Structures are given as C-alpha cells and as structure tokens.
Amino acid sequence: MLSNGLASKARQHAQINVEQLASFAQRGVPIIGCEPSCLMMLREDYLDLLPGNENAKRVAEQSFLVEEFLLQAADEDGRVNGNKGGVEQRPLGLELQETPRRLMVHGHCHQKAAVGMVPTLDVLGWVPGYELQPIDSGCCGMAGSFGYKAEHYDVSMAIGERVLFPAMREHPDDGVVLSGISCRQQVLHGTGRAGRHPVQWLADALSDKT
C-alpha cells in the first residue's frame, strides 16, 4: 500500500497491527519476521505513519528479522562455532551436519538498506561446509509490486539481467538463498531457479538429533 502511495490506507492497517502486537511488545516478547519488507514496516515505516505513538515505538523495538533473533539468542546462550576442549561447540546447541554446498546469496533491497546482510551470512555460516557467495547484484528488479505491473515488466526484467540472472545461470549447481518473496518470484520467473529462505537452508543442515 505505502509503496503505491496509499498512505491513508497504510496508516489504518498500521494502527490495527500495532494494536494487535502492542501487548506482546509491552511484555518484551520478540516479534520475529521472515519477510524483510514486512518486518521493516513494523520497525521503521510504522513510526512515520503513527508519529508519537508509544505502542508503535514498543513494537518497533521488539521487531527482529529471524536471523537477527537467532544471532541475539546465540550471543545470550554463549555458544559459538568451534572446538573447545575437544567438544564441538554449536550456537544454541544445534546439531548441524557437515553440508558441503556452495550457496549464492542475494539480499532483499529493504534488508540491505536497513539491516545489511551480515545477520544472514553469520547464521548460514554456522553450518559446516556451506560456502557462501554474496552476489553484488543491487535490486532483483521486482521492487515490491513494481515488476508485477505490465507497464514495468520490461524494465523489471532488464534490471534482473544486469547481474543477478546471469550469475544464476553461470552457476546452475549452486544453491540460491533469497530472503524476500518478491526476489524469489523474480528469480524463478527470470531464470527458472527456485530460491529458498535462509532459514530453510539452515533447517536442511539440522541433524535428526536436534
């Protein structure tokens, strides 16, 4: 809504969502999101849509991308990747299997601008064997709802063809990490490659013992 200029409607939805989430935020319950653009709405845009709203501030303070939340929890847990006294240490006590795989990582624009890709790369770096290759690709071309519109289709695809699509075609055996649903749909349409969320790649490496 907001990206299409529907500020009044977006403000109404922001008020509803903040009211629903406020009680959790007040109790210190983390609000965790997998989709960067949606999570950043809670953390940034709602503050602009609802200026001076204390509940919006509390919700923003308690909102985290899932990768940020996992890193924070691991930091509090005190365990990091490595070997200590002959005992293999894993974040949060996770049993992660050796998984030899090269993964191409493309960041959602909203995430790159507001958070950066370090949380995603750090969490995937927990998995022994993952070789992470960030793609310096800028925007995938979808840009929210931009690429869905017929009048923008050619521009949207041309943006994808600058760097991202060729990189996907050049490395057909590599896994594809895409945190944003719009990025996943754009890459699937432009290359036929099915990207997956970082948490899915983390889950793949979990041992049955976990």
Protein backbone atom coordinates (compact mmCIF):
# COMPACT_ATOMS: atom_id res chain seq x y z
CA MET A 1 0.00 0.00 0.00
CA LEU A 2 2.59 2.51 1.09
CA SER A 3 4.86 1.89 -1.90
CA ASN A 4 1.90 2.64 -4.16
CA GLY A 5 1.05 5.92 -2.46
CA LEU A 6 -1.87 4.63 -0.40
CA ALA A 7 -0.62 6.29 2.78
CA SER A 8 -4.03 6.74 4.39
CA LYS A 9 -4.94 3.08 3.95
CA ALA A 10 -1.49 2.01 5.13
CA ARG A 11 -1.91 4.15 8.25
CA GLN A 12 -5.20 2.40 9.06
CA HIS A 13 -3.56 -1.01 8.76
CA ALA A 14 -0.59 0.16 10.80
CA GLN A 15 -2.93 1.20 13.63
CA ILE A 16 -4.69 -2.17 13.58
CA ASN A 17 -1.45 -4.16 13.56
CA VAL A 18 0.13 -2.09 16.31
CA GLU A 19 -2.94 -2.58 18.50
CA GLN A 20 -2.72 -6.34 17.95
CA LEU A 21 1.01 -6.52 18.71
CA ALA A 22 1.31 -3.93 21.49
CA SER A 23 0.50 -6.26 24.38
CA PHE A 24 3.25 -8.67 23.29
CA ALA A 25 5.77 -5.85 22.84
CA GLN A 26 4.96 -4.44 26.28
CA ARG A 27 5.78 -7.84 27.82
CA GLY A 28 9.09 -7.99 25.96
CA VAL A 29 8.00 -10.77 23.63
CA PRO A 30 10.11 -10.70 20.44
CA ILE A 31 8.19 -10.09 17.22
CA ILE A 32 10.02 -12.12 14.59
CA GLY A 33 9.65 -11.77 10.83
CA CYS A 34 10.95 -13.80 7.89
CA GLU A 35 10.00 -11.29 5.18
CA PRO A 36 12.32 -8.25 5.29
CA SER A 37 9.94 -5.69 3.80
CA CYS A 38 7.12 -6.63 6.19
CA LEU A 39 9.37 -6.64 9.24
CA MET A 40 10.85 -3.27 8.31
CA MET A 41 7.35 -1.83 8.05
CA LEU A 42 6.91 -2.66 11.74
CA ARG A 43 10.31 -1.35 12.69
CA GLU A 44 10.58 1.79 10.58
CA ASP A 45 7.59 2.79 8.48
CA TYR A 46 5.00 2.47 11.26
CA LEU A 47 6.95 5.05 13.26
CA ASP A 48 6.47 7.51 10.40
CA LEU A 49 2.84 6.57 9.82
CA LEU A 50 2.00 6.84 13.53
CA PRO A 51 4.22 9.64 14.87
CA GLY A 52 4.31 9.86 18.64
CA ASN A 53 2.51 6.53 19.08
CA GLU A 54 4.15 4.83 22.07
CA ASN A 55 2.83 1.41 21.14
CA ALA A 56 4.34 1.74 17.68
CA LYS A 57 7.68 2.51 19.32
CA ARG A 58 7.44 -0.56 21.55
CA VAL A 59 6.54 -2.78 18.60
CA ALA A 60 9.47 -1.39 16.61
CA GLU A 61 11.88 -2.07 19.48
CA GLN A 62 10.74 -5.69 19.74
CA SER A 63 10.76 -6.45 16.00
CA PHE A 64 13.58 -8.59 14.58
CA LEU A 65 14.40 -10.44 11.41
CA VAL A 66 14.61 -14.14 12.22
CA GLU A 67 18.35 -14.13 11.53
CA GLU A 68 18.85 -11.21 13.93
CA PHE A 69 16.85 -13.03 16.58
CA LEU A 70 18.88 -16.23 16.18
CA LEU A 71 22.16 -14.33 16.47
CA GLN A 72 20.95 -12.49 19.57
CA ALA A 73 19.78 -15.74 21.15
CA ALA A 74 23.10 -17.40 20.34
CA ASP A 75 25.00 -14.50 21.87
CA GLU A 76 22.97 -14.78 25.07
CA ASP A 77 23.46 -18.55 25.02
CA GLY A 78 27.21 -18.02 24.87
CA ARG A 79 27.98 -20.81 22.42
CA VAL A 80 29.71 -20.15 19.11
CA ASN A 81 31.07 -22.30 16.31
CA GLY A 82 34.32 -24.01 17.21
CA ASN A 83 36.03 -26.70 19.22
CA LYS A 84 36.55 -26.27 22.95
CA GLY A 85 38.37 -28.90 24.95
CA GLY A 86 37.73 -31.49 22.26
CA VAL A 87 33.99 -30.82 22.33
CA GLU A 88 32.39 -29.37 19.22
CA GLN A 89 30.50 -26.20 20.10
CA ARG A 90 27.46 -25.09 18.11
CA PRO A 91 25.26 -22.00 18.50
CA LEU A 92 22.18 -22.66 20.64
CA GLY A 93 23.32 -26.26 20.99
CA LEU A 94 22.15 -27.03 17.46
CA GLU A 95 23.37 -30.26 15.89
CA LEU A 96 24.35 -29.14 12.39
CA GLN A 97 25.52 -31.69 9.87
CA GLU A 98 28.51 -31.19 7.59
CA THR A 99 26.83 -29.95 4.41
CA PRO A 100 29.24 -29.27 1.54
CA ARG A 101 27.38 -26.81 -0.68
CA ARG A 102 28.10 -23.53 -2.39
CA LEU A 103 25.28 -21.04 -1.87
CA MET A 104 24.72 -17.85 -3.83
CA VAL A 105 23.20 -15.19 -1.57
CA HIS A 106 21.13 -12.27 -2.87
CA GLY A 107 19.85 -9.77 -0.34
CA HIS A 108 16.44 -8.15 -0.39
CA CYS A 109 16.83 -4.39 -1.02
CA HIS A 110 14.94 -3.42 2.12
CA GLN A 111 17.13 -5.69 4.22
CA LYS A 112 20.36 -4.44 2.63
CA ALA A 113 19.37 -0.82 3.24
CA ALA A 114 18.05 -1.17 6.80
CA VAL A 115 19.91 -4.10 8.36
CA GLY A 116 22.56 -5.37 5.98
CA MET A 117 23.38 -8.95 5.10
CA VAL A 118 25.70 -9.75 8.00
CA PRO A 119 23.00 -11.47 10.11
CA THR A 120 22.03 -13.75 7.22
CA LEU A 121 25.63 -14.61 6.36
CA ASP A 122 26.55 -15.17 10.02
CA VAL A 123 23.66 -17.57 10.65
CA LEU A 124 24.32 -19.56 7.48
CA GLY A 125 27.98 -19.56 8.48
CA TRP A 126 27.05 -21.77 11.43
CA VAL A 127 26.66 -24.69 9.02
CA PRO A 128 29.94 -26.56 8.45
CA GLY A 129 30.50 -26.96 4.74
CA TYR A 130 28.42 -24.08 3.44
CA GLU A 131 30.45 -21.86 1.11
CA LEU A 132 28.65 -18.54 0.91
CA GLN A 133 28.91 -16.36 -2.17
CA PRO A 134 27.12 -12.99 -1.85
CA ILE A 135 26.06 -11.58 -5.21
CA ASP A 136 26.74 -7.87 -5.72
CA SER A 137 23.56 -7.51 -7.72
CA GLY A 138 21.67 -4.48 -6.45
CA CYS A 139 17.91 -4.91 -6.95
CA CYS A 140 16.45 -8.07 -8.46
CA GLY A 141 14.09 -5.86 -10.47
CA MET A 142 10.81 -6.80 -8.83
CA ALA A 143 10.93 -3.94 -6.30
CA GLY A 144 7.83 -4.88 -4.34
CA SER A 145 4.85 -4.73 -6.68
CA PHE A 146 6.73 -2.76 -9.38
CA GLY A 147 7.62 -5.76 -11.51
CA TYR A 148 4.14 -7.24 -11.33
CA LYS A 149 2.72 -4.36 -13.36
CA ALA A 150 2.59 -4.83 -17.12
CA GLU A 151 3.91 -1.35 -17.82
CA HIS A 152 7.04 -2.05 -15.78
CA TYR A 153 7.69 -5.62 -16.87
CA ASP A 154 10.44 -4.93 -19.42
CA VAL A 155 12.32 -2.61 -17.05
CA SER A 156 11.96 -5.12 -14.23
CA MET A 157 13.43 -7.95 -16.29
CA ALA A 158 16.21 -5.74 -17.65
CA ILE A 159 17.31 -4.94 -14.09
CA GLY A 160 17.43 -8.64 -13.27
CA GLU A 161 19.51 -9.30 -16.38
CA ARG A 162 22.21 -6.81 -15.35
CA VAL A 163 23.88 -9.07 -12.78
CA LEU A 164 21.55 -11.38 -10.90
CA PHE A 165 20.09 -13.57 -13.65
CA PRO A 166 23.44 -14.15 -15.40
CA ALA A 167 25.02 -15.15 -12.06
CA MET A 168 22.27 -17.72 -11.53
CA ARG A 169 22.76 -19.19 -14.99
CA GLU A 170 26.53 -19.26 -14.65
CA HIS A 171 26.38 -21.44 -11.52
CA PRO A 172 23.48 -23.86 -12.10
CA ASP A 173 24.61 -26.29 -9.39
CA ASP A 174 24.84 -23.73 -6.59
CA GLY A 175 22.04 -23.29 -4.09
CA VAL A 176 20.16 -19.99 -4.14
CA VAL A 177 19.48 -18.01 -0.94
CA LEU A 178 16.77 -15.35 -1.25
CA SER A 179 15.12 -13.88 1.85
CA GLY A 180 12.41 -11.89 0.05
CA ILE A 181 9.34 -13.46 -1.57
CA SER A 182 9.43 -10.88 -4.35
CA CYS A 183 13.07 -11.78 -5.07
CA ARG A 184 12.22 -15.49 -5.15
CA GLN A 185 9.39 -14.95 -7.61
CA GLN A 186 11.53 -12.69 -9.81
CA VAL A 187 14.42 -15.16 -9.96
CA LEU A 188 12.08 -18.09 -10.61
CA HIS A 189 10.41 -16.22 -13.45
CA GLY A 190 13.65 -14.91 -14.93
CA THR A 191 15.84 -17.99 -14.62
CA GLY A 192 13.72 -20.96 -13.56
CA ARG A 193 15.81 -21.22 -10.37
CA ALA A 194 13.88 -21.78 -7.14
CA GLY A 195 15.47 -19.71 -4.38
CA ARG A 196 14.89 -20.52 -0.72
CA HIS A 197 14.81 -18.52 2.50
CA PRO A 198 17.96 -18.59 4.69
CA VAL A 199 16.06 -20.40 7.46
CA GLN A 200 15.19 -23.20 5.05
CA TRP A 201 18.88 -23.67 4.26
CA LEU A 202 19.66 -23.70 7.98
CA ALA A 203 16.93 -26.28 8.58
CA ASP A 204 18.39 -28.53 5.87
CA ALA A 205 21.55 -28.92 7.93
CA LEU A 206 19.85 -29.79 11.22
CA SER A 207 20.62 -33.25 12.48
CA ASP A 208 17.77 -35.58 13.40
CA LYS A 209 19.12 -35.32 16.94
CA THR A 210 18.22 -31.62 17.17
